[in-house]
Protein backbone atom coordinates (compact mmCIF):
# COMPACT_ATOMS: atom_id res chain seq x y z
CA MET A 1 -18.39 9.77 -0.97
CA THR A 2 -15.54 10.93 1.07
CA ILE A 3 -14.27 14.38 0.31
CA MET A 4 -10.96 14.84 -1.10
CA SER A 5 -8.41 17.47 -0.30
CA LEU A 6 -7.22 19.44 -3.13
CA ILE A 7 -3.51 17.95 -2.59
CA CYS A 8 -5.09 14.50 -2.73
CA ARG A 9 -6.72 15.08 -6.15
CA LYS A 10 -3.39 16.65 -7.15
CA LEU A 11 -1.33 13.50 -6.91
CA CYS A 12 -4.26 11.33 -8.14
CA SER A 13 -4.04 13.51 -11.04
CA CYS A 14 -0.25 13.15 -11.30
CA ILE A 15 -0.42 9.12 -10.87
CA LEU A 16 -3.40 9.27 -13.71
CA SER A 17 -0.99 11.40 -16.11
CA GLU A 18 2.11 9.20 -15.39
CA HIS A 19 0.50 5.70 -15.86
CA PHE A 20 -2.13 6.36 -18.07
CA GLY A 21 -1.68 9.76 -20.09
CA SER A 22 -3.49 13.21 -20.47
CA ILE A 23 -6.82 12.13 -21.92
CA VAL A 24 -7.41 9.87 -18.81
CA GLN A 25 -6.10 12.19 -16.61
CA THR A 26 -8.68 14.96 -17.80
CA VAL A 27 -11.45 12.47 -17.21
CA GLY A 28 -10.29 11.18 -13.63
CA GLU A 29 -9.99 15.10 -12.68
CA ASP A 30 -13.49 15.88 -13.67
CA LEU A 31 -14.45 13.04 -11.72
CA PHE A 32 -12.80 14.41 -8.78
CA LYS A 33 -14.05 17.36 -8.87
CA TYR A 34 -18.12 17.06 -9.97
CA GLY A 35 -18.38 13.48 -8.14
CA PRO A 36 -20.42 10.72 -9.63
CA LYS A 37 -22.14 11.72 -13.16
CA PRO A 38 -22.93 10.34 -16.45
CA TYR A 39 -20.43 10.44 -19.50
CA SER A 40 -22.75 12.68 -21.21
CA LEU A 41 -22.21 15.04 -18.67
CA ILE A 42 -18.58 14.38 -18.40
CA ARG A 43 -18.49 15.65 -22.13
CA HIS A 44 -19.98 19.00 -21.31
CA THR A 45 -16.95 19.85 -18.76
CA THR A 46 -13.94 18.19 -20.26
CA HIS A 47 -14.80 19.17 -24.18
CA LEU A 48 -13.61 15.89 -25.18
CA THR A 49 -15.28 13.71 -28.02
CA LEU A 50 -17.47 11.20 -26.71
CA SER A 51 -15.44 8.56 -28.46
CA LYS A 52 -12.56 9.54 -26.14
CA ILE A 53 -14.50 9.80 -23.06
CA LYS A 54 -15.80 6.33 -23.66
CA GLU A 55 -11.56 5.09 -24.21
CA ALA A 56 -10.81 6.70 -20.86
CA LEU A 57 -13.50 5.31 -18.70
CA CYS A 58 -12.99 1.70 -20.40
CA VAL A 59 -9.21 2.08 -19.01
CA LEU A 60 -10.05 3.15 -15.59
CA ILE A 61 -13.01 0.42 -15.14
CA LYS A 62 -10.44 -2.24 -16.72
CA TYR A 63 -8.05 -0.98 -14.05
CA ASP A 64 -10.71 -0.81 -11.06
CA LEU A 65 -9.79 2.71 -10.46
CA VAL A 66 -13.96 3.79 -11.68
CA THR A 67 -17.08 2.29 -9.95
CA HIS A 68 -20.31 2.66 -12.16
CA ARG A 69 -24.13 2.12 -11.26
CA GLN A 70 -27.35 2.67 -12.58
CA THR A 71 -29.30 5.52 -11.71
CA GLU A 72 -32.33 7.71 -12.82
CA ARG A 73 -30.19 9.65 -15.01
CA GLY A 74 -28.48 6.62 -16.57
CA ILE A 75 -24.97 4.82 -15.83
CA GLU A 76 -23.07 7.55 -13.52
CA TYR A 77 -19.39 6.96 -12.98
CA SER A 78 -17.12 7.77 -9.82
CA LEU A 79 -13.40 7.48 -9.29
CA ALA A 80 -11.93 5.15 -6.76
CA TYR A 81 -9.11 7.42 -5.77
CA GLU A 82 -7.91 5.08 -2.73
CA ARG A 83 -7.31 2.18 -5.24
CA LEU A 84 -5.76 5.08 -7.77
CA ILE A 85 -3.18 5.40 -4.44
CA THR A 86 -2.52 1.73 -4.37
CA ILE A 87 -0.39 1.87 -7.38
CA PHE A 88 2.24 2.74 -5.17
CA ARG A 89 1.82 -0.59 -3.64
CA TYR A 90 2.67 -2.49 -6.63
CA PRO A 91 6.25 -3.24 -6.30
CA ARG A 92 5.14 -4.33 -2.74
CA TYR A 93 2.68 -7.04 -3.89
CA MET A 94 4.84 -8.32 -6.30
CA PHE A 95 7.87 -8.82 -3.68
CA PHE A 96 5.23 -10.65 -1.37
CA VAL A 97 4.21 -13.02 -4.07
CA LYS A 98 7.32 -13.72 -5.26
CA THR A 99 8.79 -14.57 -1.65
CA VAL A 100 5.14 -16.67 -1.00
CA CYS A 101 4.92 -18.35 -4.83
CA GLY A 102 8.62 -17.89 -6.57
CA ASP A 103 9.46 -16.12 -9.73
CA GLU A 104 7.02 -17.21 -12.09
CA ALA A 105 4.25 -16.07 -10.07
CA GLU A 106 5.47 -12.69 -9.76
CA MET A 107 5.90 -12.61 -13.17
CA MET A 108 2.30 -13.52 -13.56
CA LEU A 109 1.25 -11.09 -11.28
CA GLU A 110 2.97 -8.36 -13.08
CA GLU A 111 1.17 -9.41 -16.14
CA VAL A 112 -2.42 -9.45 -14.20
CA LEU A 113 -1.55 -5.57 -13.20
CA LYS A 114 -0.15 -4.60 -16.82
CA ASN A 115 -3.56 -5.63 -18.16
CA GLY A 116 -6.21 -5.00 -15.19
CA TYR A 117 -7.74 -8.23 -16.05
CA ILE A 118 -6.82 -11.22 -17.89
CA THR A 119 -7.92 -14.92 -18.50
CA ALA A 120 -5.86 -17.91 -17.10
CA SER A 121 -4.95 -19.03 -20.44
CA GLU A 122 -4.01 -15.76 -21.86
CA LEU A 123 -1.82 -15.20 -18.74
CA ILE A 124 0.05 -18.64 -18.75
CA ILE A 125 0.78 -17.67 -22.85
CA LYS A 126 2.16 -14.05 -22.21
CA THR A 127 4.54 -15.30 -18.88
CA TYR A 128 5.74 -18.00 -21.03
CA LYS A 129 6.89 -15.86 -23.84
CA ARG A 130 8.27 -13.46 -21.01
CA ILE A 131 10.09 -16.36 -19.46
CA GLU A 132 11.35 -17.36 -23.09
CA GLN A 133 12.68 -13.79 -23.69
CA SER A 134 14.18 -13.36 -20.74
CA PRO A 135 18.21 -13.48 -19.62
CA SER A 136 17.21 -15.38 -16.48
CA GLU A 137 17.77 -19.06 -15.68
CA LEU A 138 14.06 -19.61 -15.63
CA GLN A 139 12.77 -22.56 -18.05
CA PRO A 140 9.31 -21.77 -19.64
CA SER A 141 6.91 -24.70 -19.04
CA VAL A 142 3.26 -24.51 -19.36
CA PRO A 143 2.39 -27.14 -16.57
CA VAL A 144 4.58 -25.30 -14.22
CA LEU A 145 2.89 -22.13 -14.94
CA LYS A 146 -0.49 -23.82 -14.62
CA ASP A 147 0.44 -24.88 -10.91
CA LYS A 148 1.53 -21.15 -10.38
CA PHE A 149 -1.54 -19.47 -11.53
CA GLU A 150 -3.54 -22.23 -9.35
CA LEU A 151 -1.29 -21.21 -6.40
CA LEU A 152 -2.08 -17.11 -6.78
CA VAL A 153 -5.90 -18.27 -6.94
CA LYS A 154 -5.38 -20.92 -3.62
CA ASN A 155 -3.89 -17.94 -1.90
CA GLN A 156 -6.44 -15.60 -3.20
CA PHE A 157 -3.95 -13.09 -4.76
CA LEU A 158 -6.36 -13.37 -7.62
CA MET A 159 -10.46 -13.49 -8.25
CA HIS A 160 -12.74 -13.63 -10.52
CA SER A 161 -13.64 -9.95 -12.32
CA LEU A 162 -17.11 -9.21 -10.92
CA TYR A 163 -18.22 -6.86 -13.99
CA THR A 164 -20.61 -8.06 -16.45
CA ASP A 165 -21.35 -7.58 -20.04
CA THR A 166 -23.97 -5.13 -19.31
CA ALA A 167 -21.85 -2.46 -17.37
CA GLU A 168 -23.63 -3.12 -14.11
CA VAL A 169 -21.67 -4.45 -11.23
CA ILE A 170 -22.56 -7.68 -9.36
CA VAL A 171 -23.45 -6.18 -5.84
CA ASN A 172 -23.17 -8.00 -2.70
CA ASP A 173 -21.59 -10.92 -4.46
CA LYS A 174 -18.44 -12.93 -2.47
CA PRO A 175 -15.28 -13.03 -4.27
CA ASN A 176 -15.02 -16.00 -6.77
CA PHE A 177 -11.79 -18.19 -6.65
CA ASN A 178 -13.33 -21.13 -8.37
CA LEU A 179 -10.45 -22.65 -10.73
CA PRO A 180 -11.30 -22.85 -14.55
CA ASP A 181 -10.38 -26.07 -16.39
CA ILE A 182 -7.15 -24.76 -17.99
CA ASN A 183 -6.32 -26.37 -21.24
CA VAL A 184 -2.52 -27.18 -21.32
CA ALA A 185 -2.80 -28.90 -24.71
CA ALA A 186 -4.56 -25.94 -26.30
CA ILE A 187 -2.17 -23.07 -25.02
CA THR A 188 0.79 -25.27 -26.07
CA ASN A 189 -0.44 -25.42 -29.52
CA GLN A 190 -1.19 -21.67 -29.06
CA ILE A 191 2.32 -20.84 -28.01
CA GLN A 192 3.51 -22.86 -31.24
CA GLY A 193 1.35 -20.47 -33.63
CA ASN A 194 -1.46 -22.72 -33.95
CA THR A 195 -4.83 -20.79 -33.63
CA CYS A 196 -7.19 -22.91 -31.59
CA ASP A 197 -9.85 -22.61 -28.11
CA LEU A 198 -8.61 -22.14 -25.25
CA GLY A 199 -12.06 -22.86 -23.48
CA ASP A 200 -11.91 -19.87 -20.67
CA SER A 201 -12.14 -16.96 -23.20
CA ASN A 202 -15.16 -15.57 -21.15
CA ILE A 203 -13.53 -16.04 -17.69
CA TYR A 204 -11.38 -12.94 -16.27
CA TRP A 205 -9.24 -12.52 -13.57
CA LYS A 206 -8.28 -9.57 -11.90
CA LEU A 207 -6.29 -8.98 -8.32
CA ASN A 208 -7.93 -9.26 -5.04
CA PHE A 209 -6.74 -5.93 -3.25
CA ASP A 210 -8.32 -6.74 -0.24
CA ARG A 211 -6.21 -9.80 0.55
CA PHE A 212 -2.95 -7.54 -0.26
CA THR A 213 -4.18 -4.96 2.08
CA GLN A 214 -4.56 -7.79 4.81
CA ASP A 215 -1.28 -9.18 4.09
CA LEU A 216 0.57 -6.25 4.30
CA ARG A 217 -1.30 -4.94 7.46
CA ASP A 218 -0.06 -8.42 9.14
CA GLN A 219 3.44 -7.84 8.02
CA ILE A 220 3.49 -4.58 10.10
CA ILE A 221 2.02 -6.27 13.01
CA VAL A 222 4.82 -9.23 12.74
CA SER A 223 7.40 -6.69 11.91
CA ALA A 224 6.55 -4.42 14.96
CA MET A 225 6.76 -7.47 17.46
CA ARG A 226 10.23 -8.62 15.59
CA ASN A 227 11.46 -4.98 16.48
CA ARG A 228 9.80 -4.61 20.03
CA LEU A 229 11.18 -8.45 21.23
CA ASP A 230 12.96 -10.85 18.68
CA GLU A 231 12.50 -13.32 15.77
CA ASN A 232 10.59 -15.96 18.14
CA ALA A 233 7.98 -13.37 19.25
CA ALA A 234 7.38 -12.29 15.47
CA GLU A 235 6.78 -15.77 14.36
CA LEU A 236 4.35 -16.46 17.41
CA MET A 237 2.59 -13.42 16.53
CA ARG A 238 2.17 -14.88 12.83
CA GLN A 239 0.92 -18.09 14.03
CA LEU A 240 -1.66 -16.17 16.12
CA LEU A 241 -2.86 -14.28 13.14
CA PHE A 242 -3.11 -17.39 11.11
CA LEU A 243 -5.21 -18.98 14.17
CA MET A 244 -7.28 -15.92 14.08
CA TYR A 245 -8.36 -16.32 10.41
CA LEU A 246 -9.33 -19.67 11.09
CA ARG A 247 -12.11 -18.06 13.61
CA THR A 248 -12.75 -14.39 13.15
CA ALA A 249 -13.90 -12.39 9.74
CA SER A 250 -10.49 -10.62 8.32
CA TRP A 251 -11.28 -7.22 9.24
CA ALA A 252 -12.84 -7.86 12.89
CA SER A 253 -11.19 -5.45 15.56
CA THR A 254 -10.39 -8.42 17.75
CA SER A 255 -10.43 -12.11 17.06
CA ASN A 256 -12.58 -14.42 18.91
CA PRO A 257 -10.61 -16.33 21.78
CA ILE A 258 -7.89 -18.60 20.56
CA PRO A 259 -7.07 -21.30 23.23
CA LEU A 260 -3.54 -22.03 24.49
CA SER A 261 -3.97 -25.87 22.97
CA GLU A 262 -4.18 -24.58 19.43
CA ILE A 263 -1.12 -22.25 19.60
CA LYS A 264 0.75 -25.01 21.04
CA GLU A 265 0.15 -27.44 18.06
CA ALA A 266 0.73 -24.67 15.64
CA VAL A 267 4.05 -23.87 16.95
CA ARG A 268 4.83 -27.28 17.22
CA LYS A 269 4.70 -27.73 13.36
CA ILE A 270 7.14 -25.01 13.01
CA ASN A 271 10.80 -25.23 13.16
CA TYR A 272 11.44 -22.65 16.08
CA PRO A 273 12.64 -24.70 19.00
CA LEU A 274 13.56 -21.80 21.50
CA LEU A 275 9.71 -20.86 20.91
CA THR A 276 8.22 -24.00 21.61
CA GLN A 277 10.19 -24.61 24.73
CA HIS A 278 9.63 -20.96 25.75
CA LEU A 279 6.03 -20.70 24.54
CA ASP A 280 4.31 -19.66 27.76
CA GLN A 281 6.85 -16.86 28.82
CA TYR A 282 6.61 -15.54 25.07
CA LEU A 283 2.77 -15.02 25.28
CA HIS A 284 3.39 -13.30 29.09
CA LEU A 285 5.87 -11.11 27.57
CA ILE A 286 3.48 -10.08 24.18
CA GLU A 287 0.24 -9.86 26.43
CA GLU A 288 2.41 -7.94 29.03
CA ASP A 289 3.87 -5.56 26.15
CA THR A 290 2.80 -2.14 26.42
CA SER A 291 1.71 -2.49 22.57
CA GLN A 292 -1.05 -4.33 23.68
CA PHE A 293 -1.44 -6.60 20.77
CA LEU A 294 -2.20 -9.61 22.49
CA LYS A 295 -4.71 -9.89 25.51
CA ARG A 296 -5.54 -12.98 28.00
CA VAL A 297 -9.32 -13.30 27.68
CA GLY A 298 -10.30 -16.57 29.67
CA ASP A 299 -8.55 -19.44 31.78
CA SER A 300 -10.23 -22.72 30.41
CA GLY A 301 -8.07 -25.08 28.67
CA GLY A 302 -4.91 -23.53 29.77
CA GLY A 303 -5.48 -19.96 28.64
CA GLN A 304 -7.49 -18.16 25.92
CA TYR A 305 -5.96 -15.07 23.97
CA SER A 306 -7.16 -12.72 21.77
CA VAL A 307 -5.64 -10.47 18.82
CA ASN A 308 -6.68 -6.86 19.22
CA MET A 309 -6.29 -5.44 15.81
CA LYS A 310 -7.74 -1.80 16.58
CA GLU A 311 -5.43 -1.32 19.81
CA ALA A 312 -2.53 -2.61 17.80
CA PHE A 313 -2.84 -0.10 15.18
CA ASN A 314 -3.76 2.61 17.83
CA GLN A 315 -0.47 1.98 19.30
CA LEU A 316 1.47 1.86 16.08
CA ALA A 317 0.04 5.33 15.09
CA TRP A 318 0.99 6.95 18.07
CA THR A 319 4.48 5.56 17.79
CA THR A 320 4.61 6.83 14.21
CA LEU A 321 3.46 10.14 15.06
CA GLU A 322 6.23 10.56 18.06
CA ASN A 323 8.81 9.65 15.57
CA ILE A 324 7.18 12.56 13.15
CA VAL A 325 7.28 14.89 16.13
CA MET A 326 11.09 13.94 16.73
CA GLU A 327 12.13 14.11 13.29
CA ARG A 328 10.52 17.69 12.82
CA PHE A 329 10.70 19.12 16.36
CA GLY A 330 13.72 17.40 18.25
CA SER A 331 13.64 14.86 21.41
CA LYS A 332 12.52 17.32 23.54
CA ALA A 333 8.95 18.38 21.82
CA ALA A 334 8.63 14.44 21.38
CA ARG A 335 9.19 14.37 25.15
CA ILE A 336 6.20 17.19 25.79
CA PHE A 337 4.22 14.87 23.01
CA ARG A 338 4.36 12.10 24.82
CA LEU A 339 3.77 13.90 28.22
CA VAL A 340 0.62 15.42 26.59
CA ARG A 341 -0.55 11.93 25.48
CA ASP A 342 -0.21 10.09 28.65
CA ARG A 343 -1.75 12.58 30.93
CA LYS A 344 -4.42 13.32 28.21
CA TYR A 345 -5.50 16.82 29.66
CA ILE A 346 -2.92 19.13 31.06
CA GLU A 347 -1.79 22.62 31.90
CA GLN A 348 1.09 24.55 30.78
CA GLU A 349 2.80 24.74 34.06
CA ARG A 350 2.53 20.72 34.50
CA ILE A 351 4.39 20.51 31.29
CA GLN A 352 7.30 22.70 32.28
CA GLN A 353 7.37 20.61 35.71
CA LEU A 354 6.99 17.34 34.46
CA ALA A 355 9.07 17.55 31.21
CA MET A 356 12.27 18.64 32.78
CA ILE A 357 12.71 21.53 30.04
CA PRO A 358 13.66 25.23 31.01
CA ALA A 359 10.03 26.76 31.23
CA LYS A 360 10.86 29.55 28.38
CA GLU A 361 12.04 26.49 25.99
CA ALA A 362 9.06 24.17 27.13
CA LYS A 363 6.65 27.18 26.24
CA HIS A 364 8.18 27.48 22.71
CA LEU A 365 7.87 24.08 21.89
CA THR A 366 4.36 23.05 23.37
CA TYR A 367 3.19 26.35 21.46
CA THR A 368 4.80 25.12 18.03
CA LEU A 369 3.19 22.01 18.47
CA LEU A 370 -0.20 23.47 18.94
CA GLN A 371 0.62 25.91 15.63
CA GLU A 372 1.12 22.71 13.76
CA ASN A 373 -1.69 20.98 15.22
CA TYR A 374 -0.06 18.40 16.70
CA LEU A 375 -1.64 19.44 20.13
CA GLN A 376 -5.09 20.97 20.64
CA MET A 377 -6.16 23.43 23.17
CA GLN A 378 -9.38 23.45 25.45
CA GLU A 379 -10.41 26.28 27.45
CA ILE A 380 -12.18 25.58 30.77
CA LYS A 381 -14.01 28.13 32.78
CA LYS A 382 -14.09 27.83 36.58
CA ALA A 383 -16.44 29.89 38.73
CA GLY A 384 -14.91 31.33 42.03
CA VAL A 385 -16.84 33.27 44.71
CA SER A 386 -20.10 35.21 43.51
CA ALA A 387 -17.96 38.46 43.67
CA ALA A 388 -14.69 37.08 41.82
CA PRO A 389 -14.68 36.73 38.26
CA MET A 390 -14.39 33.45 36.71
CA LYS A 391 -11.05 31.75 36.35
CA THR A 392 -9.96 30.32 33.10
CA PHE A 393 -7.94 26.95 32.73
CA PHE A 394 -6.25 26.15 29.27
CA LEU A 395 -5.70 22.54 28.96
CA PHE A 396 -3.43 20.83 26.19
CA HIS A 397 -4.54 17.29 24.56
CA ILE A 398 -3.97 15.10 21.70
CA ASP A 399 -7.00 14.73 19.28
CA LEU A 400 -5.17 11.41 17.61
CA ASN A 401 -7.68 11.00 14.86
CA MET A 402 -7.47 14.58 13.53
CA VAL A 403 -3.30 14.36 14.14
CA VAL A 404 -3.45 10.99 11.82
CA ARG A 405 -5.75 12.50 9.35
CA MET A 406 -3.49 15.91 8.92
CA GLU A 407 -0.64 13.46 8.23
CA VAL A 408 -2.18 11.10 5.91
CA GLU A 409 -2.49 14.55 4.23
CA HIS A 410 1.55 15.34 4.73
CA CYS A 411 2.05 11.80 3.43
CA TYR A 412 0.03 12.80 0.16
CA HIS A 413 1.66 16.06 -0.16
CA ALA A 414 5.05 14.28 0.26
CA LEU A 415 4.37 11.85 -2.66
CA TYR A 416 3.42 14.64 -5.15
CA ASN A 417 6.27 16.36 -4.47
CA THR A 418 8.50 13.41 -5.07
CA MET A 419 6.78 12.80 -8.26
CA GLN A 420 7.25 16.25 -9.61
CA ARG A 421 10.83 16.13 -8.54
CA ARG A 422 11.29 12.82 -10.45
CA GLU A 423 9.37 14.31 -13.50
CA TYR A 424 11.57 17.05 -13.32
CA GLU A 425 14.97 14.90 -13.37
CA VAL A 426 13.61 13.12 -16.19
CA THR A 427 12.39 16.01 -18.37
CA SER A 428 15.61 18.32 -18.13
CA ASN A 429 17.95 15.22 -18.54
CA LYS A 430 15.98 13.78 -21.53
CA ARG A 431 18.40 14.11 -24.08
CA MET A 432 20.88 12.24 -22.36
CA ILE A 433 18.84 9.61 -21.21
CA ASP A 434 17.59 8.92 -24.43
CA LYS A 435 21.23 8.90 -26.08
CA GLN A 436 22.34 6.29 -23.51
CA LEU A 437 18.82 4.29 -24.62
CA ARG A 438 19.81 4.18 -27.95
CA MET A 439 23.43 3.40 -27.63
CA GLN A 440 22.16 0.26 -25.40
CA THR A 441 19.57 -1.08 -28.22
CA LEU A 442 22.70 -0.07 -30.64
CA THR A 443 24.97 -2.26 -28.46
CA SER A 444 22.51 -5.40 -28.02
CA ASN A 445 21.79 -5.43 -32.06
CA LEU A 446 25.23 -5.44 -32.97
CA LYS A 447 25.98 -8.41 -30.00
CA GLU A 448 23.21 -10.01 -31.60
CA HIS A 449 25.13 -9.83 -35.41
CA GLY A 450 28.58 -10.75 -33.70
CA ALA A 451 30.03 -7.40 -33.49
CA THR A 452 33.83 -7.36 -32.14
CA GLU A 453 35.04 -5.61 -28.84
CA GLU A 454 36.72 -2.77 -30.50
CA GLN A 455 33.09 -1.84 -32.41
CA LEU A 456 31.49 -2.14 -28.88
CA ALA A 457 33.92 0.09 -27.36
CA GLU A 458 33.60 2.82 -30.17
CA ILE A 459 30.10 2.74 -29.19
CA ALA A 460 30.62 2.94 -25.52
CA GLU A 461 32.74 6.08 -26.42
CA LEU A 462 29.80 8.04 -28.12
CA MET A 463 29.16 9.26 -24.48
CA THR A 464 31.87 11.78 -23.21
CA PRO A 465 32.77 10.80 -19.63
CA SER A 466 31.13 14.30 -18.00
CA GLU A 467 27.78 13.15 -19.32
CA LYS A 468 28.24 9.79 -18.09
CA GLN A 469 29.02 11.47 -14.35
CA GLN A 470 25.97 13.79 -15.22
CA LEU A 471 23.96 10.35 -16.31
CA GLU A 472 24.89 8.44 -13.24
CA LYS A 473 23.89 11.20 -10.69
CA VAL A 474 20.49 11.33 -12.53
CA GLN A 475 20.08 7.69 -12.27
CA ASN A 476 20.90 7.96 -8.59
CA THR A 477 18.56 10.96 -7.81
CA ILE A 478 15.27 8.85 -9.50
CA LYS A 479 16.40 5.58 -7.61
CA LYS A 480 16.30 7.80 -4.42
CA LEU A 481 12.96 9.21 -5.40
CA GLY A 482 11.69 5.73 -6.01
CA VAL A 483 12.78 4.35 -2.69
CA THR A 484 11.52 7.52 -0.77
CA GLU A 485 8.09 6.97 -2.43
CA LEU A 486 7.94 3.40 -1.02
CA GLN A 487 9.03 4.66 2.16
CA ILE A 488 6.47 7.41 2.28
CA ASP A 489 3.58 4.85 1.36
CA ASP A 490 4.67 2.62 4.14
CA THR A 491 3.65 5.57 6.66
CA LEU A 492 0.55 6.51 4.70
CA PHE A 493 -0.37 2.81 4.61
CA LEU A 494 -0.11 2.33 8.42
CA LEU A 495 -1.88 5.58 9.43
CA THR A 496 -4.77 4.64 6.71
CA MET A 497 -5.05 1.00 8.81
CA TYR A 498 -5.47 3.27 12.12
CA LEU A 499 -8.42 4.98 10.43
CA ARG A 500 -10.08 1.89 8.81
CA TYR A 501 -9.89 0.49 12.55
CA HIS A 502 -11.06 3.92 13.82
């Protein structure tokens, strides 16, 4: 079991409170503090009734936030805190599915996220009714929604829920993507208000989080290549990742060799004429690039290439840390950080000479980085002649794993602060937000009953100009905090990918 830091626990507690309420938060916090335990012991420390604890555990299990296993003292529950933090990624999951599978599939995914797990028929019915009520141009159609569901399963975005009725988890079982028989006629009847057997009442579907994590990981690699070279290099990297999946396990550190002939065939099928024309040059550029995403591993068949995921995230983590040092301490500190990275171990005097920064300033920045744990110092004693005392050297170096873990903690802290600030903005302006909500509800009701423009204008005037201005300011602040959360989570995701490979 991973030991969680205090700030990670506070962040998880905040997420539970915001999304599931105080009772689930209390049970979740108890599992944070004391680790795996049966619900009878949860009752002892939380002082909640057994029925409340059972309800809270049911909610957490439903959303895949708690795992449970049979032990000598009964069924023990433990909190999957890393899964809880992925709640920040739900908007990105939905946008990705919208891009790949379309608007209806995005709505379906949102329903699965809301429900935790759901049957295929129920999912289609809920999505149909939602499209029917939405003002969008989409037309609800059961056959179209059935196709979209099958597309989600085909792309492995959804999978069978592996929990059984006996509250035990099926272990060492591969994810199941077998499609059920979806009865379109029965679903149509149900939508029209006729009760009937849908035929898949015991087959539940949930999100395949591992697949989404892989896709976000691949997006980072492709995006990095786009930033370093151009769109053609990014597309080549995407094709290399597809070819990697055909011959290598999804989470392998490096791919098995990919022959040049297969790369040429894959590129020929896509509409990138410049890439097709200059494929050899692009492969050479990516191979020679300092990012080290790609490595030539053989010459047979015109050449063989291997994608190096481990090294890719090593380089991306270094770049991210350099940017963080730049933002926090300035360009000269970033120069010192890069210098220590390149030299691995280096003395203070050499830093001053090579960084071309005045001695006093270089010393100040070096010790600031040391104090903030971006640099570490190692003491080496070198024996002189027998009569002389030992000479001591102090060498600066960077412990990458340690610095990455520290930045992960900083990300947790930043997310927690952002959530707290958003909560403060909503609470302190609750009266005004509620007033606007009531006005919107009243306006929409009057519109349905054919209200005149004058009546609608009267309702709009219920809110004073100063209130409107204040409300707009609050909404902009909340929107900015939401964007900030996504940006912080981007950094957090990249750093956790580094830790996964190292």
